[in-house]
Amino acid sequence: MRTMIRRTREDLLAQRARLLAEVHMTHDELQRRAESYTLSARELSVWHTIEGIDRLLAGDR
């Protein structure tokens, strides 16, 4: 059986901010580094999570 996790828009925005703070980068910095393939494994994991959060937030409009 699958488990569904429900998150509010505010929860997602807070998680996104925490992740960016963890890697000490802005979204733009992280995106630029992702596009140039210069992220560490941890930073890449954060990037993928933020991409997912951004997709969820875009669908919430």
PDB file of N, CA and C in Angstrom:
ATOM      1  N   MET A   1       0.841  -1.176   0.000  1.00  0.00           N
ATOM      2  CA  MET A   1       0.000   0.000   0.000  1.00  0.00           C
ATOM      3  C   MET A   1       0.889   1.244   0.000  1.00  0.00           C
ATOM      4  N   ARG A   2       0.543   2.213  -0.787  1.00  0.00           N
ATOM      5  CA  ARG A   2       1.303   3.458  -0.868  1.00  0.00           C
ATOM      6  C   ARG A   2       0.803   4.452   0.159  1.00  0.00           C
ATOM      7  N   THR A   3       1.723   5.274   0.619  1.00  0.00           N
ATOM      8  CA  THR A   3       1.382   6.319   1.574  1.00  0.00           C
ATOM      9  C   THR A   3       1.390   7.655   0.858  1.00  0.00           C
ATOM     10  N   MET A   4       0.371   8.449   1.089  1.00  0.00           N
ATOM     11  CA  MET A   4       0.319   9.779   0.494  1.00  0.00           C
ATOM     12  C   MET A   4       0.684  10.801   1.564  1.00  0.00           C
ATOM     13  N   ILE A   5       1.601  11.667   1.216  1.00  0.00           N
ATOM     14  CA  ILE A   5       2.002  12.735   2.128  1.00  0.00           C
ATOM     15  C   ILE A   5       1.369  14.022   1.630  1.00  0.00           C
ATOM     16  N   ARG A   6       0.681  14.680   2.501  1.00  0.00           N
ATOM     17  CA  ARG A   6       0.044  15.952   2.131  1.00  0.00           C
ATOM     18  C   ARG A   6       0.871  17.101   2.687  1.00  0.00           C
ATOM     19  N   ARG A   7       1.154  18.059   1.822  1.00  0.00           N
ATOM     20  CA  ARG A   7       1.912  19.238   2.216  1.00  0.00           C
ATOM     21  C   ARG A   7       1.170  20.477   1.757  1.00  0.00           C
ATOM     22  N   THR A   8       1.159  21.478   2.604  1.00  0.00           N
ATOM     23  CA  THR A   8       0.563  22.745   2.196  1.00  0.00           C
ATOM     24  C   THR A   8       1.587  23.520   1.380  1.00  0.00           C
ATOM     25  N   ARG A   9       1.108  24.531   0.693  1.00  0.00           N
ATOM     26  CA  ARG A   9       2.004  25.411  -0.065  1.00  0.00           C
ATOM     27  C   ARG A   9       3.057  26.012   0.864  1.00  0.00           C
ATOM     28  N   GLU A  10       2.639  26.401   2.060  1.00  0.00           N
ATOM     29  CA  GLU A  10       3.569  26.990   3.034  1.00  0.00           C
ATOM     30  C   GLU A  10       4.624  25.976   3.463  1.00  0.00           C
ATOM     31  N   ASP A  11       4.222  24.711   3.651  1.00  0.00           N
ATOM     32  CA  ASP A  11       5.177  23.650   3.994  1.00  0.00           C
ATOM     33  C   ASP A  11       6.233  23.501   2.903  1.00  0.00           C
ATOM     34  N   LEU A  12       5.778  23.491   1.659  1.00  0.00           N
ATOM     35  CA  LEU A  12       6.704  23.330   0.537  1.00  0.00           C
ATOM     36  C   LEU A  12       7.665  24.510   0.430  1.00  0.00           C
ATOM     37  N   LEU A  13       7.148  25.716   0.596  1.00  0.00           N
ATOM     38  CA  LEU A  13       8.012  26.895   0.533  1.00  0.00           C
ATOM     39  C   LEU A  13       9.040  26.882   1.658  1.00  0.00           C
ATOM     40  N   ALA A  14       8.638  26.453   2.841  1.00  0.00           N
ATOM     41  CA  ALA A  14       9.560  26.378   3.976  1.00  0.00           C
ATOM     42  C   ALA A  14      10.624  25.317   3.727  1.00  0.00           C
ATOM     43  N   GLN A  15      10.227  24.169   3.192  1.00  0.00           N
ATOM     44  CA  GLN A  15      11.198  23.112   2.895  1.00  0.00           C
ATOM     45  C   GLN A  15      12.194  23.589   1.842  1.00  0.00           C
ATOM     46  N   ARG A  16      11.695  24.273   0.830  1.00  0.00           N
ATOM     47  CA  ARG A  16      12.552  24.807  -0.238  1.00  0.00           C
ATOM     48  C   ARG A  16      13.578  25.776   0.341  1.00  0.00           C
ATOM     49  N   ALA A  17      13.141  26.665   1.213  1.00  0.00           N
ATOM     50  CA  ALA A  17      14.045  27.639   1.838  1.00  0.00           C
ATOM     51  C   ALA A  17      15.087  26.936   2.700  1.00  0.00           C
ATOM     52  N   ARG A  18      14.676  25.914   3.456  1.00  0.00           N
ATOM     53  CA  ARG A  18      15.623  25.159   4.296  1.00  0.00           C
ATOM     54  C   ARG A  18      16.686  24.475   3.448  1.00  0.00           C
ATOM     55  N   LEU A  19      16.263  23.887   2.344  1.00  0.00           N
ATOM     56  CA  LEU A  19      17.216  23.194   1.476  1.00  0.00           C
ATOM     57  C   LEU A  19      18.234  24.162   0.876  1.00  0.00           C
ATOM     58  N   LEU A  20      17.771  25.308   0.423  1.00  0.00           N
ATOM     59  CA  LEU A  20      18.696  26.302  -0.128  1.00  0.00           C
ATOM     60  C   LEU A  20      19.661  26.792   0.943  1.00  0.00           C
ATOM     61  N   ALA A  21      19.181  26.971   2.154  1.00  0.00           N
ATOM     62  CA  ALA A  21      20.048  27.400   3.255  1.00  0.00           C
ATOM     63  C   ALA A  21      21.094  26.331   3.565  1.00  0.00           C
ATOM     64  N   GLU A  22      20.708  25.064   3.467  1.00  0.00           N
ATOM     65  CA  GLU A  22      21.639  23.961   3.723  1.00  0.00           C
ATOM     66  C   GLU A  22      22.843  24.000   2.794  1.00  0.00           C
ATOM     67  N   VAL A  23      22.612  24.351   1.536  1.00  0.00           N
ATOM     68  CA  VAL A  23      23.710  24.369   0.563  1.00  0.00           C
ATOM     69  C   VAL A  23      24.301  25.769   0.383  1.00  0.00           C
ATOM     70  N   HIS A  24      23.796  26.724   1.154  1.00  0.00           N
ATOM     71  CA  HIS A  24      24.315  28.106   1.143  1.00  0.00           C
ATOM     72  C   HIS A  24      24.303  28.721  -0.253  1.00  0.00           C
ATOM     73  N   MET A  25      23.181  28.534  -0.964  1.00  0.00           N
ATOM     74  CA  MET A  25      23.049  29.093  -2.308  1.00  0.00           C
ATOM     75  C   MET A  25      21.642  29.626  -2.510  1.00  0.00           C
ATOM     76  N   THR A  26      21.527  30.551  -3.446  1.00  0.00           N
ATOM     77  CA  THR A  26      20.204  30.974  -3.894  1.00  0.00           C
ATOM     78  C   THR A  26      19.728  29.965  -4.941  1.00  0.00           C
ATOM     79  N   HIS A  27      18.456  30.056  -5.283  1.00  0.00           N
ATOM     80  CA  HIS A  27      17.921  29.172  -6.327  1.00  0.00           C
ATOM     81  C   HIS A  27      18.678  29.384  -7.635  1.00  0.00           C
ATOM     82  N   ASP A  28      18.928  30.636  -7.993  1.00  0.00           N
ATOM     83  CA  ASP A  28      19.629  30.928  -9.248  1.00  0.00           C
ATOM     84  C   ASP A  28      21.040  30.351  -9.255  1.00  0.00           C
ATOM     85  N   GLU A  29      21.758  30.476  -8.132  1.00  0.00           N
ATOM     86  CA  GLU A  29      23.112  29.916  -8.049  1.00  0.00           C
ATOM     87  C   GLU A  29      23.081  28.398  -8.214  1.00  0.00           C
ATOM     88  N   LEU A  30      22.163  27.770  -7.515  1.00  0.00           N
ATOM     89  CA  LEU A  30      22.052  26.317  -7.586  1.00  0.00           C
ATOM     90  C   LEU A  30      21.694  25.881  -9.005  1.00  0.00           C
ATOM     91  N   GLN A  31      20.787  26.588  -9.634  1.00  0.00           N
ATOM     92  CA  GLN A  31      20.390  26.260 -11.004  1.00  0.00           C
ATOM     93  C   GLN A  31      21.562  26.418 -11.972  1.00  0.00           C
ATOM     94  N   ARG A  32      22.304  27.505 -11.856  1.00  0.00           N
ATOM     95  CA  ARG A  32      23.464  27.717 -12.738  1.00  0.00           C
ATOM     96  C   ARG A  32      24.486  26.597 -12.584  1.00  0.00           C
ATOM     97  N   ARG A  33      24.746  26.219 -11.335  1.00  0.00           N
ATOM     98  CA  ARG A  33      25.719  25.150 -11.090  1.00  0.00           C
ATOM     99  C   ARG A  33      25.200  23.811 -11.595  1.00  0.00           C
ATOM    100  N   ALA A  34      23.893  23.586 -11.490  1.00  0.00           N
ATOM    101  CA  ALA A  34      23.312  22.342 -12.016  1.00  0.00           C
ATOM    102  C   ALA A  34      23.462  22.297 -13.535  1.00  0.00           C
ATOM    103  N   GLU A  35      23.217  23.423 -14.181  1.00  0.00           N
ATOM    104  CA  GLU A  35      23.324  23.496 -15.639  1.00  0.00           C
ATOM    105  C   GLU A  35      24.755  23.317 -16.124  1.00  0.00           C
ATOM    106  N   SER A  36      25.734  23.654 -15.270  1.00  0.00           N
ATOM    107  CA  SER A  36      27.141  23.500 -15.663  1.00  0.00           C
ATOM    108  C   SER A  36      27.768  22.236 -15.061  1.00  0.00           C
ATOM    109  N   TYR A  37      26.938  21.375 -14.463  1.00  0.00           N
ATOM    110  CA  TYR A  37      27.386  20.090 -13.906  1.00  0.00           C
ATOM    111  C   TYR A  37      28.495  20.245 -12.875  1.00  0.00           C
ATOM    112  N   THR A  38      28.357  21.232 -11.981  1.00  0.00           N
ATOM    113  CA  THR A  38      29.390  21.459 -10.968  1.00  0.00           C
ATOM    114  C   THR A  38      28.853  21.315  -9.549  1.00  0.00           C
ATOM    115  N   LEU A  39      27.829  20.505  -9.372  1.00  0.00           N
ATOM    116  CA  LEU A  39      27.268  20.289  -8.040  1.00  0.00           C
ATOM    117  C   LEU A  39      27.867  19.033  -7.411  1.00  0.00           C
ATOM    118  N   SER A  40      28.022  19.079  -6.098  1.00  0.00           N
ATOM    119  CA  SER A  40      28.406  17.872  -5.365  1.00  0.00           C
ATOM    120  C   SER A  40      27.196  16.932  -5.346  1.00  0.00           C
ATOM    121  N   ALA A  41      27.400  15.719  -4.876  1.00  0.00           N
ATOM    122  CA  ALA A  41      26.295  14.759  -4.805  1.00  0.00           C
ATOM    123  C   ALA A  41      25.163  15.294  -3.922  1.00  0.00           C
ATOM    124  N   ARG A  42      25.513  15.877  -2.782  1.00  0.00           N
ATOM    125  CA  ARG A  42      24.493  16.428  -1.873  1.00  0.00           C
ATOM    126  C   ARG A  42      23.759  17.591  -2.530  1.00  0.00           C
ATOM    127  N   GLU A  43      24.499  18.490  -3.176  1.00  0.00           N
ATOM    128  CA  GLU A  43      23.881  19.633  -3.851  1.00  0.00           C
ATOM    129  C   GLU A  43      22.957  19.165  -4.972  1.00  0.00           C
ATOM    130  N   LEU A  44      23.363  18.120  -5.692  1.00  0.00           N
ATOM    131  CA  LEU A  44      22.526  17.589  -6.767  1.00  0.00           C
ATOM    132  C   LEU A  44      21.230  17.003  -6.204  1.00  0.00           C
ATOM    133  N   SER A  45      21.333  16.332  -5.079  1.00  0.00           N
ATOM    134  CA  SER A  45      20.144  15.799  -4.419  1.00  0.00           C
ATOM    135  C   SER A  45      19.196  16.927  -4.026  1.00  0.00           C
ATOM    136  N   VAL A  46      19.753  17.999  -3.480  1.00  0.00           N
ATOM    137  CA  VAL A  46      18.943  19.170  -3.119  1.00  0.00           C
ATOM    138  C   VAL A  46      18.303  19.756  -4.373  1.00  0.00           C
ATOM    139  N   TRP A  47      19.066  19.859  -5.446  1.00  0.00           N
ATOM    140  CA  TRP A  47      18.543  20.414  -6.692  1.00  0.00           C
ATOM    141  C   TRP A  47      17.343  19.607  -7.190  1.00  0.00           C
ATOM    142  N   HIS A  48      17.467  18.280  -7.194  1.00  0.00           N
ATOM    143  CA  HIS A  48      16.361  17.440  -7.653  1.00  0.00           C
ATOM    144  C   HIS A  48      15.131  17.598  -6.761  1.00  0.00           C
ATOM    145  N   THR A  49      15.345  17.717  -5.477  1.00  0.00           N
ATOM    146  CA  THR A  49      14.225  17.916  -4.550  1.00  0.00           C
ATOM    147  C   THR A  49      13.552  19.258  -4.813  1.00  0.00           C
ATOM    148  N   ILE A  50      14.349  20.290  -5.024  1.00  0.00           N
ATOM    149  CA  ILE A  50      13.789  21.619  -5.295  1.00  0.00           C
ATOM    150  C   ILE A  50      13.037  21.630  -6.623  1.00  0.00           C
ATOM    151  N   GLU A  51      13.556  20.932  -7.627  1.00  0.00           N
ATOM    152  CA  GLU A  51      12.820  20.834  -8.894  1.00  0.00           C
ATOM    153  C   GLU A  51      11.438  20.213  -8.666  1.00  0.00           C
ATOM    154  N   GLY A  52      11.383  19.174  -7.850  1.00  0.00           N
ATOM    155  CA  GLY A  52      10.103  18.537  -7.540  1.00  0.00           C
ATOM    156  C   GLY A  52       9.165  19.471  -6.795  1.00  0.00           C
ATOM    157  N   ILE A  53       9.720  20.187  -5.830  1.00  0.00           N
ATOM    158  CA  ILE A  53       8.914  21.154  -5.075  1.00  0.00           C
ATOM    159  C   ILE A  53       8.377  22.231  -6.014  1.00  0.00           C
ATOM    160  N   ASP A  54       9.226  22.722  -6.902  1.00  0.00           N
ATOM    161  CA  ASP A  54       8.792  23.758  -7.845  1.00  0.00           C
ATOM    162  C   ASP A  54       7.672  23.253  -8.756  1.00  0.00           C
ATOM    163  N   ARG A  55       7.751  21.983  -9.175  1.00  0.00           N
ATOM    164  CA  ARG A  55       6.671  21.417  -9.999  1.00  0.00           C
ATOM    165  C   ARG A  55       5.363  21.363  -9.208  1.00  0.00           C
ATOM    166  N   LEU A  56       5.456  20.950  -7.952  1.00  0.00           N
ATOM    167  CA  LEU A  56       4.252  20.908  -7.115  1.00  0.00           C
ATOM    168  C   LEU A  56       3.674  22.303  -6.910  1.00  0.00           C
ATOM    169  N   LEU A  57       4.542  23.269  -6.673  1.00  0.00           N
ATOM    170  CA  LEU A  57       4.075  24.642  -6.465  1.00  0.00           C
ATOM    171  C   LEU A  57       3.451  25.209  -7.739  1.00  0.00           C
ATOM    172  N   ALA A  58       4.018  24.886  -8.886  1.00  0.00           N
ATOM    173  CA  ALA A  58       3.474  25.380 -10.155  1.00  0.00           C
ATOM    174  C   ALA A  58       2.092  24.780 -10.412  1.00  0.00           C
ATOM    175  N   GLY A  59       1.890  23.550 -10.000  1.00  0.00           N
ATOM    176  CA  GLY A  59       0.598  22.900 -10.189  1.00  0.00           C
ATOM    177  C   GLY A  59      -0.456  23.371  -9.209  1.00  0.00           C
ATOM    178  N   ASP A  60      -0.017  24.083  -8.181  1.00  0.00           N
ATOM    179  CA  ASP A  60      -0.922  24.559  -7.131  1.00  0.00           C
ATOM    180  C   ASP A  60      -1.602  25.868  -7.514  1.00  0.00           C
ATOM    181  N   ARG A  61      -1.215  26.462  -8.617  1.00  0.00           N
ATOM    182  CA  ARG A  61      -1.747  27.771  -9.006  1.00  0.00           C
ATOM    183  C   ARG A  61      -3.101  27.660  -9.615  1.00  0.00           C
TER     184      ARG A  61
END
